Amino acid sequence: MPHATQSFFRSTLLGLAATALVAQSGPMPPPPLIQIAREELKPGHGAAHAATESSWSRIMRKAKSTDYYLGMSSVTGPSEAWFLMSYGSYADYEAKQNELDKNPAAKKEIDTISQADGEHLTGVRTILAKYRKELSYGPDVEIGKMRYFRIRTFRIKQGHWRSFEDGVKAAMAAYKKSEYPASFAFYEVTAGMGSPSYLVLRPLKSLAELDATDAADKAFQEALGEEGQKTMSKVFSEDVNAVENQLFSFNPKLSFVGPKTLASDPAFWTLKPAK
């Protein structure tokens, strides 16, 4: 992958964990702005790609970068690596893109590793999205203790974004009433894919949490009531073009996390020395 794209991804990724996901110990609010870099892997290249990414994070560590990132491997769907980055604002996002320009030696190493990384990929997509607090649900989480994201993508029909958001807000009331046992952050895509689109990120400590989904969904439906269920059905039939659900596992080999995320679980996040 070209250096400009790769360094862009990493610096953004780094920013996610640093600026928002790992800005303090304990639970943290979702970041105001995120970028997701999606790398599509060639079949059979997962291990080789992870090794290249580990080298990438070592370069960043040696450069004493504070531009952290969280990497994930797909559990379902296409074979992909997703890198999550966070920013406090678009100004912060812009500043992160130029960080490596101040370190020519590290930039040269990144150029080299970018070429190696490209040998394992069939495609790349980057997405920018802004946090929508009023559409989100649940308490803040300590991301360093999480192990998975369930990411749900909503693609909305043109001109139907307002009615879709109204439906989500109605669902929020039912989630609260039923005391739904989850947290999820709702993001509106601002660039990188067809609009209007939304991403819903649900962090999980374990996939075992999903075993309680049927009971929780039943309580949610009861909290909606008959009229609420009709409203939800109308939203999905009239406003939504498509919904995609994917699971991703956090991968330390793909990540360069900040000190506070590392402190949440050093045994998990510490990258083992290359042999």
Protein backbone atom coordinates (compact mmCIF):
# COMPACT_ATOMS: atom_id res chain seq x y z
CA MET A 1 0.00 0.00 0.00
CA PRO A 2 1.37 3.52 -0.77
CA HIS A 3 3.24 5.22 2.05
CA ALA A 4 0.93 8.20 2.19
CA THR A 5 -2.04 5.88 2.71
CA GLN A 6 -0.25 3.65 5.17
CA SER A 7 1.18 6.41 7.33
CA PHE A 8 -2.23 8.05 7.22
CA PHE A 9 -3.82 4.88 8.57
CA ARG A 10 -1.34 4.34 11.30
CA SER A 11 -1.24 7.88 12.53
CA THR A 12 -4.98 7.90 12.60
CA LEU A 13 -5.15 4.58 14.30
CA LEU A 14 -2.67 5.68 16.82
CA GLY A 15 -4.77 8.69 17.52
CA LEU A 16 -7.85 6.63 18.30
CA ALA A 17 -6.39 4.71 21.17
CA ALA A 18 -4.32 7.63 22.34
CA THR A 19 -6.71 10.52 22.16
CA ALA A 20 -9.95 8.94 23.20
CA LEU A 21 -9.94 5.23 23.83
CA VAL A 22 -6.94 5.38 26.14
CA ALA A 23 -6.97 8.99 27.29
CA GLN A 24 -7.53 7.99 30.92
CA SER A 25 -7.67 4.94 33.11
CA GLY A 26 -10.95 3.21 33.69
CA PRO A 27 -14.06 3.65 31.53
CA MET A 28 -13.78 6.26 28.78
CA PRO A 29 -16.36 7.94 26.54
CA PRO A 30 -16.29 7.15 22.83
CA PRO A 31 -14.11 9.53 20.79
CA PRO A 32 -15.81 12.39 18.93
CA LEU A 33 -14.28 11.38 15.60
CA ILE A 34 -12.97 8.03 14.39
CA GLN A 35 -11.29 6.68 11.33
CA ILE A 36 -11.46 3.03 10.40
CA ALA A 37 -8.89 1.68 7.95
CA ARG A 38 -10.06 -1.59 6.41
CA GLU A 39 -7.39 -3.79 4.87
CA GLU A 40 -8.60 -6.73 2.78
CA LEU A 41 -6.19 -9.66 3.08
CA LYS A 42 -5.11 -12.11 0.43
CA PRO A 43 -6.13 -15.70 1.26
CA GLY A 44 -3.55 -17.37 3.46
CA HIS A 45 -1.69 -14.12 4.24
CA GLY A 46 -3.06 -13.55 7.75
CA ALA A 47 0.05 -14.60 9.68
CA ALA A 48 2.46 -12.84 7.32
CA HIS A 49 0.37 -9.68 7.48
CA ALA A 50 0.35 -9.77 11.29
CA ALA A 51 4.15 -10.08 11.29
CA THR A 52 4.46 -7.02 9.05
CA GLU A 53 2.08 -5.07 11.28
CA SER A 54 4.12 -6.03 14.35
CA SER A 55 7.18 -4.53 12.67
CA TRP A 56 5.15 -1.40 12.02
CA SER A 57 4.27 -0.96 15.67
CA ARG A 58 7.90 -1.53 16.69
CA ILE A 59 8.95 1.30 14.38
CA MET A 60 6.39 3.59 15.99
CA ARG A 61 7.53 2.61 19.45
CA LYS A 62 11.18 3.23 18.57
CA ALA A 63 10.21 6.64 17.21
CA LYS A 64 8.51 7.37 20.57
CA SER A 65 5.29 8.13 18.74
CA THR A 66 2.18 8.94 20.74
CA ASP A 67 -0.05 8.25 17.76
CA TYR A 68 -1.63 4.99 18.95
CA TYR A 69 -4.00 2.60 17.21
CA LEU A 70 -6.15 -0.44 17.87
CA GLY A 71 -6.05 -3.30 15.35
CA MET A 72 -8.66 -6.02 14.91
CA SER A 73 -8.97 -9.23 12.90
CA SER A 74 -12.28 -10.26 11.35
CA VAL A 75 -14.01 -13.23 12.98
CA THR A 76 -16.85 -13.24 10.46
CA GLY A 77 -17.23 -12.00 6.91
CA PRO A 78 -14.29 -11.39 4.55
CA SER A 79 -10.72 -11.84 5.77
CA GLU A 80 -9.87 -8.31 6.86
CA ALA A 81 -7.85 -6.30 9.36
CA TRP A 82 -9.51 -3.17 10.69
CA PHE A 83 -7.57 -0.38 12.38
CA LEU A 84 -9.41 1.99 14.66
CA MET A 85 -8.21 5.57 15.20
CA SER A 86 -9.65 8.39 17.28
CA TYR A 87 -9.53 12.15 17.30
CA GLY A 88 -10.87 14.94 19.42
CA SER A 89 -11.66 17.03 16.33
CA TYR A 90 -10.91 17.42 12.63
CA ALA A 91 -8.04 19.74 13.59
CA ASP A 92 -6.59 16.94 15.71
CA TYR A 93 -7.10 14.55 12.81
CA GLU A 94 -5.21 16.86 10.45
CA ALA A 95 -2.33 17.27 12.88
CA LYS A 96 -1.92 13.51 13.24
CA GLN A 97 -1.48 13.10 9.49
CA ASN A 98 1.71 15.14 9.62
CA GLU A 99 3.30 13.59 12.70
CA LEU A 100 5.77 11.32 10.90
CA ASP A 101 6.95 14.14 8.65
CA LYS A 102 8.88 15.40 11.68
CA ASN A 103 10.85 12.14 11.94
CA PRO A 104 12.59 11.39 8.60
CA ALA A 105 14.27 8.21 9.88
CA ALA A 106 10.98 6.68 11.06
CA LYS A 107 9.26 7.83 7.87
CA LYS A 108 11.86 6.03 5.77
CA GLU A 109 11.31 2.81 7.73
CA ILE A 110 7.55 3.20 7.34
CA ASP A 111 8.00 3.60 3.58
CA THR A 112 9.82 0.27 3.48
CA ILE A 113 7.35 -1.61 5.66
CA SER A 114 4.44 -0.11 3.66
CA GLN A 115 5.66 -1.87 0.53
CA ALA A 116 5.94 -5.16 2.41
CA ASP A 117 2.47 -4.71 3.85
CA GLY A 118 1.00 -4.14 0.40
CA GLU A 119 2.11 -7.61 -0.67
CA HIS A 120 -0.52 -9.10 1.65
CA LEU A 121 -3.49 -6.97 0.63
CA THR A 122 -6.11 -6.95 -2.11
CA GLY A 123 -7.69 -3.63 -1.20
CA VAL A 124 -8.06 -0.85 1.36
CA ARG A 125 -10.89 1.45 2.41
CA THR A 126 -10.82 4.29 4.92
CA ILE A 127 -13.89 5.66 6.69
CA LEU A 128 -14.40 8.76 8.80
CA ALA A 129 -17.32 8.90 11.21
CA LYS A 130 -18.55 11.25 13.94
CA TYR A 131 -19.95 10.14 17.28
CA ARG A 132 -23.69 10.52 17.81
CA LYS A 133 -24.17 10.48 21.57
CA GLU A 134 -27.95 10.87 21.39
CA LEU A 135 -28.19 7.64 19.37
CA SER A 136 -25.80 5.67 21.60
CA TYR A 137 -26.56 3.54 24.63
CA GLY A 138 -25.01 2.20 27.82
CA PRO A 139 -22.20 3.13 30.20
CA ASP A 140 -18.67 3.92 29.07
CA VAL A 141 -16.28 0.96 28.96
CA GLU A 142 -12.59 0.37 29.63
CA ILE A 143 -11.51 -0.52 26.13
CA GLY A 144 -8.25 -2.14 27.25
CA LYS A 145 -10.24 -4.89 28.96
CA MET A 146 -12.38 -5.61 25.92
CA ARG A 147 -11.54 -8.38 23.42
CA TYR A 148 -14.09 -7.98 20.60
CA PHE A 149 -16.19 -5.49 18.68
CA ARG A 150 -19.50 -6.34 17.11
CA ILE A 151 -19.85 -3.77 14.36
CA ARG A 152 -23.22 -3.21 12.72
CA THR A 153 -23.40 -1.16 9.51
CA PHE A 154 -26.65 0.52 8.49
CA ARG A 155 -27.04 1.82 4.94
CA ILE A 156 -30.01 4.18 4.74
CA LYS A 157 -32.16 5.17 1.78
CA GLN A 158 -31.58 8.66 0.41
CA GLY A 159 -33.70 11.24 2.19
CA HIS A 160 -34.66 8.83 4.99
CA TRP A 161 -31.96 9.65 7.54
CA ARG A 162 -34.22 11.71 9.77
CA SER A 163 -36.93 9.06 10.09
CA PHE A 164 -34.24 6.44 10.67
CA GLU A 165 -32.73 8.48 13.50
CA ASP A 166 -36.16 9.05 15.01
CA GLY A 167 -36.62 5.28 15.03
CA VAL A 168 -33.26 4.80 16.75
CA LYS A 169 -34.20 7.32 19.43
CA ALA A 170 -37.45 5.46 20.03
CA ALA A 171 -35.45 2.25 20.42
CA MET A 172 -33.19 3.97 22.98
CA ALA A 173 -36.13 4.43 25.31
CA ALA A 174 -36.92 0.71 25.11
CA TYR A 175 -33.29 -0.23 25.69
CA LYS A 176 -33.27 1.88 28.84
CA LYS A 177 -36.64 0.56 30.03
CA SER A 178 -35.55 -3.06 29.54
CA GLU A 179 -32.11 -2.36 31.08
CA TYR A 180 -30.49 -3.91 28.04
CA PRO A 181 -27.12 -5.41 29.16
CA ALA A 182 -24.79 -3.78 26.61
CA SER A 183 -23.05 -0.59 25.55
CA PHE A 184 -22.77 0.59 21.99
CA ALA A 185 -21.50 3.73 20.30
CA PHE A 186 -23.36 5.08 17.30
CA TYR A 187 -21.34 6.80 14.56
CA GLU A 188 -22.53 8.63 11.46
CA VAL A 189 -20.24 8.10 8.47
CA THR A 190 -19.01 11.43 7.09
CA ALA A 191 -16.65 10.16 4.37
CA GLY A 192 -15.39 6.94 2.84
CA MET A 193 -18.60 5.10 1.95
CA GLY A 194 -22.10 5.70 0.60
CA SER A 195 -24.14 8.16 2.62
CA PRO A 196 -26.25 8.13 4.70
CA SER A 197 -24.59 5.28 6.60
CA TYR A 198 -24.07 4.54 10.27
CA LEU A 199 -21.73 2.30 12.25
CA VAL A 200 -22.68 0.86 15.64
CA LEU A 201 -19.76 -0.41 17.73
CA ARG A 202 -20.49 -2.78 20.60
CA PRO A 203 -17.45 -3.80 22.69
CA LEU A 204 -17.40 -7.26 24.26
CA LYS A 205 -15.19 -8.80 26.93
CA SER A 206 -16.14 -12.24 25.65
CA LEU A 207 -18.33 -13.73 22.95
CA ALA A 208 -20.14 -15.45 25.81
CA GLU A 209 -21.93 -12.13 26.35
CA LEU A 210 -23.85 -12.85 23.16
CA ASP A 211 -25.39 -15.96 24.74
CA ALA A 212 -27.75 -13.66 26.63
CA THR A 213 -28.90 -11.90 23.45
CA ASP A 214 -32.18 -13.82 23.02
CA ALA A 215 -33.39 -13.04 26.54
CA ALA A 216 -32.27 -9.41 26.28
CA ASP A 217 -33.95 -8.97 22.90
CA LYS A 218 -37.19 -10.44 24.27
CA ALA A 219 -37.18 -7.92 27.12
CA PHE A 220 -36.42 -5.15 24.62
CA GLN A 221 -39.39 -6.15 22.43
CA GLU A 222 -41.65 -6.19 25.48
CA ALA A 223 -40.42 -2.72 26.42
CA LEU A 224 -41.17 -1.50 22.87
CA GLY A 225 -44.75 -2.67 23.09
CA GLU A 226 -46.99 -3.30 20.11
CA GLU A 227 -46.83 0.25 18.72
CA GLY A 228 -43.07 0.43 19.17
CA GLN A 229 -42.61 -2.85 17.33
CA LYS A 230 -44.69 -1.53 14.45
CA THR A 231 -42.53 1.59 14.37
CA MET A 232 -39.35 -0.49 14.21
CA SER A 233 -40.76 -2.65 11.44
CA LYS A 234 -41.66 0.46 9.48
CA VAL A 235 -38.17 1.91 9.92
CA PHE A 236 -36.51 -1.23 8.61
CA SER A 237 -38.89 -1.66 5.70
CA GLU A 238 -39.07 1.98 4.59
CA ASP A 239 -35.79 3.61 5.67
CA VAL A 240 -33.06 0.96 5.68
CA ASN A 241 -31.40 -0.35 2.51
CA ALA A 242 -29.18 -2.94 4.20
CA VAL A 243 -27.73 -4.03 7.54
CA GLU A 244 -24.43 -5.87 7.96
CA ASN A 245 -23.23 -7.49 11.19
CA GLN A 246 -19.59 -8.42 11.72
CA LEU A 247 -17.45 -9.62 14.61
CA PHE A 248 -13.84 -8.60 15.15
CA SER A 249 -11.28 -9.74 17.71
CA PHE A 250 -8.71 -7.32 19.11
CA ASN A 251 -5.23 -8.29 17.96
CA PRO A 252 -2.15 -7.01 19.85
CA LYS A 253 0.03 -7.87 16.83
CA LEU A 254 -1.94 -5.38 14.78
CA SER A 255 -2.04 -2.72 17.48
CA PHE A 256 0.10 0.03 18.96
CA VAL A 257 -1.78 0.97 22.10
CA GLY A 258 -1.04 3.77 24.54
CA PRO A 259 0.31 3.31 28.08
CA LYS A 260 -3.07 3.45 29.78
CA THR A 261 -4.63 0.82 27.54
CA LEU A 262 -1.52 -1.26 28.08
CA ALA A 263 -1.92 -0.88 31.84
CA SER A 264 -5.47 -2.25 31.64
CA ASP A 265 -4.07 -5.68 30.75
CA PRO A 266 -0.28 -5.78 30.18
CA ALA A 267 -0.24 -9.54 29.61
CA PHE A 268 -2.61 -9.19 26.68
CA TRP A 269 -1.38 -5.99 25.05
CA THR A 270 2.37 -6.29 25.44
CA LEU A 271 3.89 -7.16 22.09
CA LYS A 272 6.30 -10.05 22.41
CA PRO A 273 9.86 -9.46 21.11
CA ALA A 274 10.49 -10.68 17.59
CA LYS A 275 12.48 -13.94 17.50
